[in-house]
Amino acid sequence: KTCVLDVVKGEKVKPVFEEPPNPTNVEVSLQQMKANDPSLQEVNLNNIKNIPIPTLKEFAKALETNTHVKKFSLAATRSNDPVAIAFADMLKVNKTLKSLNIESNFITGTGILALVEALKENDTLTEIKIDNQRQQLGTAVEMEIAQMLEENSRILKFGYQFTKQGPRTRVAAAITKNNDLGNAAIICAVSN
């Protein structure tokens, strides 16, 4: 008979600290956007869960005429299709915004398609993040996204995890082409 007398020690647990709440003052940011304040170039509403839907729509409306905000983020704000549609309307007319992050919300294929359609008319946005919505978007929506990215040479970064191989491959090729075109334009501008 063999007796095992080894002692097993547990691994020490490293404490995980919660992130502090987002310090952005929603009302002040909205007023600055409406006033087209040149000092406000980035708005981060991430993880602020209690922003009413009408207020989020007001942000979209304010962005229509704002000429200074270049980056807008509303990830994990419980935004839904009406908010996405308001931002789609904004994208049709805004000529300043470069980056939009609407990840981790409750936007369905309807809202995403509205954004995709708006991007066909927008030539300033270079980055959009739409991943991690409550509901999967489906093949039809993913195919529309792929087609839009093939037609829009301005989008350089696109945040979404595709579920189907076909759209994923098309989007990867489109984003690579867009980045190559952007680099070629920079090289031409530098050499002139």
Protein backbone atom coordinates (compact mmCIF):
# COMPACT_ATOMS: atom_id res chain seq x y z
CA LYS A 1 0.00 0.00 0.00
CA THR A 2 1.19 3.46 -0.94
CA CYS A 3 -0.08 6.48 0.91
CA VAL A 4 -0.02 9.93 -0.68
CA LEU A 5 0.78 12.70 1.77
CA ASP A 6 0.99 15.69 -0.61
CA VAL A 7 -0.60 18.95 0.35
CA VAL A 8 -2.51 20.94 -2.23
CA LYS A 9 -2.45 24.70 -1.84
CA GLY A 10 -4.99 26.94 -3.48
CA GLU A 11 -3.90 29.83 -5.62
CA LYS A 12 -4.24 33.22 -4.01
CA VAL A 13 -7.12 35.17 -5.46
CA LYS A 14 -6.17 38.49 -6.91
CA PRO A 15 -8.70 41.16 -6.05
CA VAL A 16 -10.63 42.58 -8.98
CA PHE A 17 -11.62 46.17 -8.47
CA GLU A 18 -14.72 47.59 -10.06
CA GLU A 19 -14.17 50.37 -12.50
CA PRO A 20 -15.18 53.73 -11.12
CA PRO A 21 -18.40 55.13 -12.56
CA ASN A 22 -18.15 57.22 -15.71
CA PRO A 23 -17.52 60.81 -14.55
CA THR A 24 -19.11 62.41 -17.63
CA ASN A 25 -21.79 64.94 -16.76
CA VAL A 26 -24.48 64.08 -19.30
CA GLU A 27 -26.37 67.39 -19.15
CA VAL A 28 -23.23 69.54 -19.35
CA SER A 29 -21.92 67.52 -22.31
CA LEU A 30 -25.25 67.85 -24.11
CA GLN A 31 -25.32 71.62 -23.58
CA GLN A 32 -21.71 71.93 -24.80
CA MET A 33 -22.60 69.94 -27.92
CA LYS A 34 -25.66 72.06 -28.61
CA ALA A 35 -23.53 75.21 -28.19
CA ASN A 36 -20.91 73.73 -30.57
CA ASP A 37 -18.21 74.22 -27.92
CA PRO A 38 -14.80 73.87 -29.64
CA SER A 39 -13.22 72.44 -26.46
CA LEU A 40 -15.49 69.37 -26.63
CA GLN A 41 -13.99 66.96 -29.15
CA GLU A 42 -14.76 63.63 -27.49
CA VAL A 43 -17.90 62.50 -25.66
CA ASN A 44 -17.82 59.29 -23.62
CA LEU A 45 -21.19 58.14 -22.24
CA ASN A 46 -20.05 54.52 -21.84
CA ASN A 47 -21.69 52.51 -19.05
CA ILE A 48 -24.06 55.28 -17.94
CA LYS A 49 -27.21 53.19 -17.70
CA ASN A 50 -29.75 55.79 -16.62
CA ILE A 51 -29.67 58.13 -19.63
CA PRO A 52 -33.24 58.46 -20.93
CA ILE A 53 -33.83 57.52 -24.59
CA PRO A 54 -35.01 61.08 -25.45
CA THR A 55 -31.72 62.46 -24.09
CA LEU A 56 -29.70 60.03 -26.22
CA LYS A 57 -31.74 61.17 -29.24
CA GLU A 58 -30.94 64.79 -28.31
CA PHE A 59 -27.23 63.94 -28.47
CA ALA A 60 -27.76 62.60 -31.99
CA LYS A 61 -29.68 65.75 -32.96
CA ALA A 62 -26.95 67.97 -31.50
CA LEU A 63 -24.30 66.07 -33.48
CA GLU A 64 -26.10 66.95 -36.73
CA THR A 65 -24.82 70.52 -36.52
CA ASN A 66 -21.80 70.10 -34.22
CA THR A 67 -18.51 70.78 -35.98
CA HIS A 68 -16.06 69.86 -33.20
CA VAL A 69 -16.91 66.44 -31.72
CA LYS A 70 -14.78 63.84 -33.50
CA LYS A 71 -15.36 60.83 -31.24
CA PHE A 72 -18.67 59.78 -29.66
CA SER A 73 -19.11 56.69 -27.53
CA LEU A 74 -22.31 55.32 -26.01
CA ALA A 75 -21.40 51.71 -25.29
CA ALA A 76 -23.51 49.91 -22.68
CA THR A 77 -26.05 52.71 -22.30
CA ARG A 78 -29.09 50.49 -22.98
CA SER A 79 -29.58 52.20 -26.33
CA ASN A 80 -32.16 50.67 -28.66
CA ASP A 81 -33.40 50.96 -32.27
CA PRO A 82 -34.92 54.47 -31.93
CA VAL A 83 -31.52 55.71 -30.69
CA ALA A 84 -29.73 53.92 -33.54
CA ILE A 85 -32.13 55.45 -36.07
CA ALA A 86 -31.52 58.93 -34.59
CA PHE A 87 -27.77 58.38 -34.94
CA ALA A 88 -28.29 57.12 -38.49
CA ASP A 89 -30.10 60.36 -39.34
CA MET A 90 -27.21 62.28 -37.80
CA LEU A 91 -24.62 60.36 -39.85
CA LYS A 92 -26.35 61.47 -43.05
CA VAL A 93 -25.54 65.14 -42.33
CA ASN A 94 -22.61 65.26 -39.88
CA LYS A 95 -19.30 66.10 -41.55
CA THR A 96 -17.01 66.02 -38.48
CA LEU A 97 -17.47 62.79 -36.53
CA LYS A 98 -14.65 60.27 -37.11
CA SER A 99 -15.51 57.54 -34.57
CA LEU A 100 -18.81 56.14 -33.25
CA ASN A 101 -19.03 53.39 -30.62
CA ILE A 102 -22.46 51.89 -29.90
CA GLU A 103 -21.32 48.47 -28.67
CA SER A 104 -23.07 46.43 -25.98
CA ASN A 105 -26.60 47.78 -26.37
CA PHE A 106 -30.08 46.55 -27.32
CA ILE A 107 -29.98 47.44 -31.01
CA THR A 108 -31.55 44.92 -33.40
CA GLY A 109 -30.97 44.35 -37.10
CA THR A 110 -33.40 47.19 -37.89
CA GLY A 111 -31.29 49.79 -36.09
CA ILE A 112 -28.03 48.42 -37.47
CA LEU A 113 -29.41 48.49 -41.03
CA ALA A 114 -30.39 52.15 -40.55
CA LEU A 115 -26.79 52.92 -39.52
CA VAL A 116 -25.42 50.92 -42.46
CA GLU A 117 -27.65 52.80 -44.92
CA ALA A 118 -26.56 56.14 -43.42
CA LEU A 119 -22.89 55.23 -43.85
CA LYS A 120 -23.45 55.07 -47.60
CA GLU A 121 -23.98 58.85 -47.46
CA ASN A 122 -21.26 59.64 -44.89
CA ASP A 123 -17.71 60.28 -46.01
CA THR A 124 -16.07 61.37 -42.75
CA LEU A 125 -16.60 58.49 -40.30
CA THR A 126 -13.56 56.19 -40.24
CA GLU A 127 -14.41 53.95 -37.28
CA ILE A 128 -17.67 52.39 -36.08
CA LYS A 129 -18.16 49.77 -33.38
CA ILE A 130 -21.47 47.88 -33.23
CA ASP A 131 -20.49 44.56 -31.62
CA ASN A 132 -22.10 42.77 -28.68
CA GLN A 133 -25.75 43.71 -29.16
CA ARG A 134 -28.38 41.88 -27.12
CA GLN A 135 -29.63 40.08 -30.22
CA GLN A 136 -27.63 38.48 -33.03
CA LEU A 137 -27.96 40.39 -36.27
CA GLY A 138 -28.33 37.47 -38.68
CA THR A 139 -27.03 36.66 -42.13
CA ALA A 140 -29.07 39.25 -44.07
CA VAL A 141 -27.83 42.12 -41.90
CA GLU A 142 -24.24 40.85 -42.03
CA MET A 143 -24.43 40.71 -45.84
CA GLU A 144 -25.71 44.34 -45.93
CA ILE A 145 -22.83 45.39 -43.67
CA ALA A 146 -20.37 43.67 -46.01
CA GLN A 147 -21.86 45.38 -49.06
CA MET A 148 -21.76 48.81 -47.37
CA LEU A 149 -18.11 48.36 -46.41
CA GLU A 150 -17.25 47.34 -49.96
CA GLU A 151 -18.87 50.57 -51.21
CA ASN A 152 -17.55 52.91 -48.46
CA SER A 153 -13.80 53.42 -48.78
CA ARG A 154 -13.61 55.69 -45.70
CA ILE A 155 -14.26 53.10 -42.96
CA LEU A 156 -10.87 51.92 -41.67
CA LYS A 157 -11.98 50.19 -38.46
CA PHE A 158 -15.17 48.20 -38.02
CA GLY A 159 -15.97 46.60 -34.67
CA TYR A 160 -18.22 43.57 -35.08
CA GLN A 161 -17.69 39.83 -34.69
CA PHE A 162 -19.29 38.23 -37.75
CA THR A 163 -21.04 34.88 -37.29
CA LYS A 164 -20.89 33.86 -40.97
CA GLN A 165 -17.73 33.21 -42.96
CA GLY A 166 -18.93 34.87 -46.19
CA PRO A 167 -19.55 38.37 -44.80
CA ARG A 168 -16.49 38.08 -42.51
CA THR A 169 -14.21 37.43 -45.50
CA ARG A 170 -15.76 40.22 -47.58
CA VAL A 171 -15.44 42.72 -44.72
CA ALA A 172 -11.83 41.75 -44.01
CA ALA A 173 -10.98 42.35 -47.67
CA ALA A 174 -12.88 45.68 -47.73
CA ILE A 175 -11.22 46.99 -44.55
CA THR A 176 -7.79 45.94 -45.83
CA LYS A 177 -8.48 47.71 -49.14
CA ASN A 178 -9.69 50.85 -47.31
CA ASN A 179 -6.57 50.93 -45.15
CA ASP A 180 -4.36 50.40 -48.20
CA LEU A 181 -6.15 53.25 -50.01
CA GLY A 182 -5.70 55.49 -46.96
CA ASN A 183 -1.99 54.68 -46.79
CA ALA A 184 -1.61 55.30 -50.53
CA ALA A 185 -3.27 58.71 -50.16
CA ILE A 186 -0.91 59.58 -47.29
CA ILE A 187 2.12 58.48 -49.32
CA CYS A 188 0.95 60.55 -52.32
CA ALA A 189 0.36 63.59 -50.11
CA VAL A 190 3.81 63.28 -48.52
CA SER A 191 5.63 62.81 -51.82
CA ASN A 192 3.99 65.84 -53.48
